[in-house]
Protein backbone atom coordinates (compact mmCIF):
# COMPACT_ATOMS: atom_id res chain seq x y z
CA UNK A 1 151.18 5.49 60.03
CA UNK A 2 149.52 8.83 59.37
CA UNK A 3 146.46 7.70 61.33
CA UNK A 4 148.70 6.71 64.22
CA UNK A 5 150.37 10.15 64.22
CA UNK A 6 146.98 11.86 64.24
CA UNK A 7 145.90 9.80 67.26
CA UNK A 8 149.14 10.65 69.11
CA UNK A 9 148.73 14.34 68.24
CA UNK A 10 145.13 14.29 69.48
CA UNK A 11 146.14 12.63 72.75
CA UNK A 12 148.94 15.18 73.29
CA UNK A 13 146.56 18.05 72.54
CA UNK A 14 143.98 16.77 75.00
CA UNK A 15 146.71 16.29 77.63
CA UNK A 16 147.87 19.89 77.17
CA UNK A 17 144.31 21.19 77.39
CA UNK A 18 143.61 19.14 80.53
CA UNK A 19 146.88 20.22 82.16
CA UNK A 20 146.26 23.87 81.31
CA UNK A 21 142.71 23.78 82.62
CA UNK A 22 143.84 22.20 85.89
CA UNK A 23 146.67 24.71 86.35
CA UNK A 24 144.65 27.77 85.44
CA UNK A 25 141.32 26.66 86.92
CA UNK A 26 139.62 29.40 88.86
CA UNK A 27 139.98 29.11 92.64
CA UNK A 28 137.92 28.18 94.57
CA UNK A 29 136.17 25.41 92.65
CA UNK A 30 134.72 23.37 95.52
CA UNK A 31 133.37 23.88 99.07
CA UNK A 32 135.60 25.51 101.66
CA UNK A 33 136.00 23.83 105.07
CA UNK A 34 135.89 26.56 107.76
CA UNK A 35 137.06 25.18 111.13
CA UNK A 36 135.66 26.73 114.31
CA UNK A 37 137.86 25.91 117.31
CA UNK A 38 135.36 26.81 120.05
CA UNK A 39 131.87 25.94 121.24
CA UNK A 40 128.72 26.72 119.27
CA UNK A 41 127.25 29.97 120.56
CA UNK A 42 130.59 31.66 121.27
CA UNK A 43 132.13 34.60 119.41
CA UNK A 44 134.07 32.48 116.91
CA UNK A 45 130.95 30.48 116.04
CA UNK A 46 128.69 33.55 115.83
CA UNK A 47 131.22 35.22 113.54
CA UNK A 48 131.62 32.23 111.23
CA UNK A 49 127.87 31.63 111.03
CA UNK A 50 127.22 35.28 110.24
CA UNK A 51 129.98 35.37 107.61
CA UNK A 52 128.96 32.08 105.99
CA UNK A 53 126.22 33.38 103.70
CA UNK A 54 128.25 36.39 102.56
CA UNK A 55 131.46 34.43 101.97
CA UNK A 56 129.48 31.99 99.82
CA UNK A 57 128.12 34.87 97.76
CA UNK A 58 131.57 36.41 97.27
CA UNK A 59 133.47 33.16 96.60
CA UNK A 60 130.76 31.37 94.64
CA UNK A 61 131.14 28.09 96.56
CA UNK A 62 129.65 26.58 99.71
CA UNK A 63 131.37 27.30 103.01
CA UNK A 64 131.05 24.32 105.36
CA UNK A 65 131.55 25.03 109.07
CA UNK A 66 133.07 22.24 111.17
CA UNK A 67 133.94 22.16 114.87
CA UNK A 68 137.24 21.06 116.43
CA UNK A 69 136.75 21.94 120.08
CA UNK A 70 139.13 21.64 123.03
CA UNK A 71 142.26 22.97 124.67
CA UNK A 72 141.22 26.62 124.37
CA UNK A 73 141.36 26.28 120.59
CA UNK A 74 144.52 24.15 120.51
CA UNK A 75 142.71 21.11 119.08
CA UNK A 76 141.48 23.08 116.09
CA UNK A 77 144.71 25.03 115.54
CA UNK A 78 146.69 21.78 115.65
CA UNK A 79 144.37 20.35 113.01
CA UNK A 80 144.82 23.43 110.84
CA UNK A 81 148.62 23.32 110.70
CA UNK A 82 148.48 19.67 109.57
CA UNK A 83 145.77 20.26 106.93
CA UNK A 84 146.32 20.07 103.18
CA UNK A 85 147.44 23.59 102.11
CA UNK A 86 145.39 23.38 98.89
CA UNK A 87 143.24 26.34 99.88
CA UNK A 88 140.17 24.39 100.91
CA UNK A 89 140.74 24.16 104.68
CA UNK A 90 140.87 27.32 106.78
CA UNK A 91 140.17 28.15 110.40
CA UNK A 92 138.98 31.03 112.45
CA UNK A 93 141.84 32.18 114.66
CA UNK A 94 141.94 34.00 117.98
CA UNK A 95 145.13 36.05 118.10
CA UNK A 96 145.76 35.83 121.82
CA UNK A 97 145.22 32.05 121.92
CA UNK A 98 147.65 31.30 119.09
CA UNK A 99 150.32 33.35 120.90
CA UNK A 100 149.79 32.47 124.57
CA UNK A 101 149.41 28.71 124.22
CA UNK A 102 152.79 28.07 122.54
CA UNK A 103 154.41 30.46 125.05
CA UNK A 104 152.84 28.97 128.17
CA UNK A 105 152.33 25.30 127.29
CA UNK A 106 155.04 22.76 126.67
CA UNK A 107 153.39 21.28 123.59
CA UNK A 108 150.05 22.73 122.44
CA UNK A 109 150.38 20.91 119.10
CA UNK A 110 151.33 23.93 117.01
CA UNK A 111 153.55 27.01 117.01
CA UNK A 112 152.43 30.59 116.42
CA UNK A 113 154.50 30.90 113.24
CA UNK A 114 152.69 27.89 111.73
CA UNK A 115 149.39 29.78 111.75
CA UNK A 116 149.31 31.73 108.47
CA UNK A 117 146.97 34.72 108.85
CA UNK A 118 144.68 35.45 105.92
CA UNK A 119 142.70 38.33 107.41
CA UNK A 120 141.93 39.89 110.79
CA UNK A 121 138.33 41.08 110.74
CA UNK A 122 137.18 41.93 114.29
CA UNK A 123 138.08 42.92 117.83
CA UNK A 124 136.15 42.49 121.09
CA UNK A 125 137.36 43.98 124.40
CA UNK A 126 137.06 42.05 127.67
CA UNK A 127 134.30 42.88 130.14
CA UNK A 128 133.92 41.88 133.78
CA UNK A 129 130.33 41.03 134.74
CA UNK A 130 128.24 39.70 137.60
CA UNK A 131 124.63 38.50 137.56
CA UNK A 132 121.88 41.07 137.94
CA UNK A 133 120.91 39.62 141.36
CA UNK A 134 124.48 39.75 142.72
CA UNK A 135 125.26 41.68 145.91
CA UNK A 136 128.23 43.10 144.00
CA UNK A 137 126.96 46.29 142.40
CA UNK A 138 130.17 47.96 141.20
CA UNK A 139 133.82 47.32 140.47
CA UNK A 140 134.64 48.86 143.87
CA UNK A 141 132.38 46.27 145.52
CA UNK A 142 134.12 43.50 143.54
CA UNK A 143 137.60 44.62 144.58
CA UNK A 144 136.57 45.18 148.21
CA UNK A 145 135.03 41.70 148.51
CA UNK A 146 138.04 40.08 146.80
CA UNK A 147 140.41 41.78 149.25
CA UNK A 148 138.33 40.64 152.22
CA UNK A 149 137.92 37.08 150.87
CA UNK A 150 141.08 36.14 148.90
CA UNK A 151 140.38 33.44 146.31
CA UNK A 152 136.67 33.21 147.16
CA UNK A 153 135.45 34.97 144.02
CA UNK A 154 135.34 32.58 141.06
CA UNK A 155 135.72 34.19 137.65
CA UNK A 156 134.60 32.16 134.64
CA UNK A 157 136.02 32.66 131.17
CA UNK A 158 136.65 31.14 127.78
CA UNK A 159 139.61 28.76 127.88
CA UNK A 160 143.08 28.81 129.39
CA UNK A 161 145.75 31.26 128.17
CA UNK A 162 143.11 33.36 126.42
CA UNK A 163 142.22 37.06 126.81
CA UNK A 164 139.68 36.07 129.46
CA UNK A 165 142.22 34.03 131.45
CA UNK A 166 145.02 36.54 131.01
CA UNK A 167 142.59 39.37 131.69
CA UNK A 168 141.57 37.88 135.01
CA UNK A 169 145.24 37.49 135.99
CA UNK A 170 146.11 41.00 134.78
CA UNK A 171 143.26 42.60 136.72
CA UNK A 172 144.11 40.63 139.87
CA UNK A 173 147.62 42.02 139.68
CA UNK A 174 146.48 45.56 138.84
CA UNK A 175 143.92 45.64 141.70
CA UNK A 176 146.16 43.67 144.13
CA UNK A 177 143.49 41.02 144.69
CA UNK A 178 143.24 37.23 144.38
CA UNK A 179 140.36 35.55 142.52
CA UNK A 180 139.99 31.99 141.21
CA UNK A 181 139.75 31.63 137.42
CA UNK A 182 137.50 28.83 136.09
CA UNK A 183 138.10 27.98 132.40
CA UNK A 184 135.33 26.81 130.09
CA UNK A 185 135.71 25.47 126.54
CA UNK A 186 134.28 28.68 125.08
CA UNK A 187 131.87 31.55 125.71
CA UNK A 188 129.04 29.29 124.59
CA UNK A 189 129.66 27.18 127.71
CA UNK A 190 130.95 29.91 130.06
CA UNK A 191 127.92 32.23 129.83
CA UNK A 192 125.22 29.61 130.66
CA UNK A 193 127.35 28.34 133.58
CA UNK A 194 127.75 31.89 134.86
CA UNK A 195 124.02 32.64 134.52
CA UNK A 196 123.29 29.34 136.28
CA UNK A 197 125.30 30.46 139.31
CA UNK A 198 128.28 28.14 138.91
CA UNK A 199 130.76 31.05 139.10
CA UNK A 200 130.60 34.42 140.88
CA UNK A 201 131.64 36.57 137.95
CA UNK A 202 132.48 36.33 134.28
CA UNK A 203 135.41 37.70 132.29
CA UNK A 204 134.02 37.65 128.77
CA UNK A 205 133.73 39.87 125.68
CA UNK A 206 131.63 42.87 124.75
CA UNK A 207 129.69 40.69 122.31
CA UNK A 208 128.40 38.53 125.17
CA UNK A 209 127.69 41.70 127.16
CA UNK A 210 125.46 42.98 124.37
CA UNK A 211 123.72 39.64 123.86
CA UNK A 212 123.02 39.10 127.59
CA UNK A 213 122.77 42.71 128.79
CA UNK A 214 119.39 42.04 130.46
CA UNK A 215 120.81 39.15 132.49
CA UNK A 216 124.18 40.48 133.65
CA UNK A 217 125.56 43.62 135.23
CA UNK A 218 128.73 44.71 133.47
CA UNK A 219 131.12 46.30 135.94
CA UNK A 220 133.72 47.60 133.45
CA UNK A 221 135.06 47.20 129.92
CA UNK A 222 138.77 46.69 129.20
CA UNK A 223 139.01 49.23 126.38
CA UNK A 224 140.84 52.51 125.98
CA UNK A 225 137.49 54.31 125.67
CA UNK A 226 133.85 53.44 126.27
CA UNK A 227 132.36 51.34 123.48
CA UNK A 228 129.41 52.73 121.55
CA UNK A 229 127.24 49.64 121.95
CA UNK A 230 127.63 49.66 125.77
CA UNK A 231 127.69 53.42 126.38
CA UNK A 232 126.82 53.26 130.09
CA UNK A 233 129.62 50.88 131.00
CA UNK A 234 132.77 52.59 132.34
CA UNK A 235 136.25 51.50 131.32
CA UNK A 236 138.64 50.03 133.87
CA UNK A 237 140.85 53.06 133.18
CA UNK A 238 138.04 55.44 134.17
CA UNK A 239 137.80 53.59 137.46
CA UNK A 240 141.53 53.84 138.15
CA UNK A 241 142.88 50.54 136.77
CA UNK A 242 145.35 50.50 133.89
CA UNK A 243 143.88 47.41 132.29
CA UNK A 244 143.09 47.01 128.57
CA UNK A 245 142.58 43.55 127.05
CA UNK A 246 140.54 41.77 124.38
CA UNK A 247 140.53 39.47 121.39
CA UNK A 248 141.36 39.97 117.74
CA UNK A 249 139.82 37.32 115.47
CA UNK A 250 140.45 36.43 111.88
CA UNK A 251 140.81 33.70 109.30
CA UNK A 252 143.96 31.56 109.05
CA UNK A 253 145.46 29.02 106.66
CA UNK A 254 147.85 26.05 106.94
CA UNK A 255 151.50 27.19 106.84
CA UNK A 256 152.17 26.29 103.19
CA UNK A 257 149.04 27.64 101.53
CA UNK A 258 150.09 29.50 98.32
CA UNK A 259 150.05 33.30 98.47
CA UNK A 260 147.68 33.67 95.51
CA UNK A 261 145.00 31.65 97.33
CA UNK A 262 145.62 33.50 100.59
CA UNK A 263 145.14 36.79 98.74
CA UNK A 264 141.86 35.63 97.16
CA UNK A 265 140.44 34.66 100.56
CA UNK A 266 141.73 37.88 102.13
CA UNK A 267 139.95 39.92 99.48
CA UNK A 268 136.77 37.91 100.10
CA UNK A 269 136.94 38.73 103.84
CA UNK A 270 137.50 42.40 103.03
CA UNK A 271 134.48 42.45 100.73
CA UNK A 272 132.29 40.78 103.35
CA UNK A 273 133.31 43.34 105.97
CA UNK A 274 132.20 46.11 103.59
CA UNK A 275 128.69 44.70 103.07
CA UNK A 276 126.39 47.08 105.03
CA UNK A 277 123.98 44.33 106.10
CA UNK A 278 126.82 42.21 107.52
CA UNK A 279 128.52 45.24 109.05
CA UNK A 280 125.34 46.30 110.85
CA UNK A 281 124.64 42.77 112.12
CA UNK A 282 128.11 42.44 113.64
CA UNK A 283 128.14 45.86 115.28
CA UNK A 284 124.66 45.29 116.73
CA UNK A 285 126.04 42.14 118.38
CA UNK A 286 128.98 44.01 119.93
CA UNK A 287 131.76 43.20 117.46
CA UNK A 288 134.15 45.94 116.32
CA UNK A 289 135.12 45.24 112.71
CA UNK A 290 138.73 45.78 111.60
CA UNK A 291 140.43 45.25 108.24
CA UNK A 292 143.94 43.80 108.41
CA UNK A 293 145.20 41.87 105.41
CA UNK A 294 147.86 39.11 105.52
CA UNK A 295 150.87 41.41 105.96
CA UNK A 296 149.27 43.73 108.52
CA UNK A 297 147.92 40.70 110.43
CA UNK A 298 151.41 39.17 110.56
CA UNK A 299 152.82 42.45 111.88
CA UNK A 300 150.09 42.58 114.55
CA UNK A 301 150.88 39.02 115.64
CA UNK A 302 154.62 39.79 115.88
CA UNK A 303 153.94 42.86 118.05
CA UNK A 304 151.57 40.95 120.29
CA UNK A 305 154.06 38.08 120.76
CA UNK A 306 156.50 40.52 122.37
CA UNK A 307 153.73 42.17 124.40
CA UNK A 308 152.25 38.94 125.79
CA UNK A 309 155.66 37.44 126.45
CA UNK A 310 156.48 40.40 128.68
CA UNK A 311 153.14 40.05 130.52
CA UNK A 312 153.63 36.32 131.11
CA UNK A 313 157.14 36.98 132.43
CA UNK A 314 155.79 39.73 134.70
CA UNK A 315 153.07 37.41 136.01
CA UNK A 316 155.66 34.65 136.60
CA UNK A 317 154.00 32.20 134.19
CA UNK A 318 157.11 31.80 132.03
């Protein structure tokens, strides 16, 4: 009898130890799946690939990058909101995409509120560019030609209902012109098509402007002030157009991921942004680093929902 009680006690003790170790195990314990929703070679991919090494150092686990491409990010965002919220599946998020698609599309597969922001770590303003051999030499030339040939200028960009798409529509309205927007699945596809002559111009981001500065002529940047890494490029505002647009990017979680895990990943992103080597790499590539944690990111999204809703209403899209 006594032997039987000892065995039962031992089993109960082991059960308690196992339960405690599973509950209080340090997170993360296994590789993190980092979804990229756009083409290889675009801003989201470049960011994730540059972060990968540093996130692994900070978190102490492998970070595995996977691609879910299509629908201007909607395929990947839809996958994210259905993922297990155990803390091991996250996704890069593009703020404008996660707002505009649910506003403008009947069923993109997710709603903005389902995307739980972990951290917002960068911003890239829009730029408007033409190829170096183009007869268009300035923004004035661009506007003049567009007025004389309505719809003839094709403007490539990353996705539909993105900063590039919205930017093209906003500038058309501001300049009282008509161009034809051509969506690509990401900057990684848009830039080669533009350089290959498949579109007249490109609405893209400062990061692509820095990377391909020898192959494109940047007419203007959609920022409040000139950006340090493209100092010779005027802003649209300088040239008389009240147009400012761009993309905030960050890391997002499924809607039910526990706060403690969100906070751990947010702190990891913050630490990576503070690493001088990483910081220098990103800025050299034309990315402006920002540091918005979960709460500040949620506030930014809420503000931008109201802002973009008003723009879409003004443009007659909704």
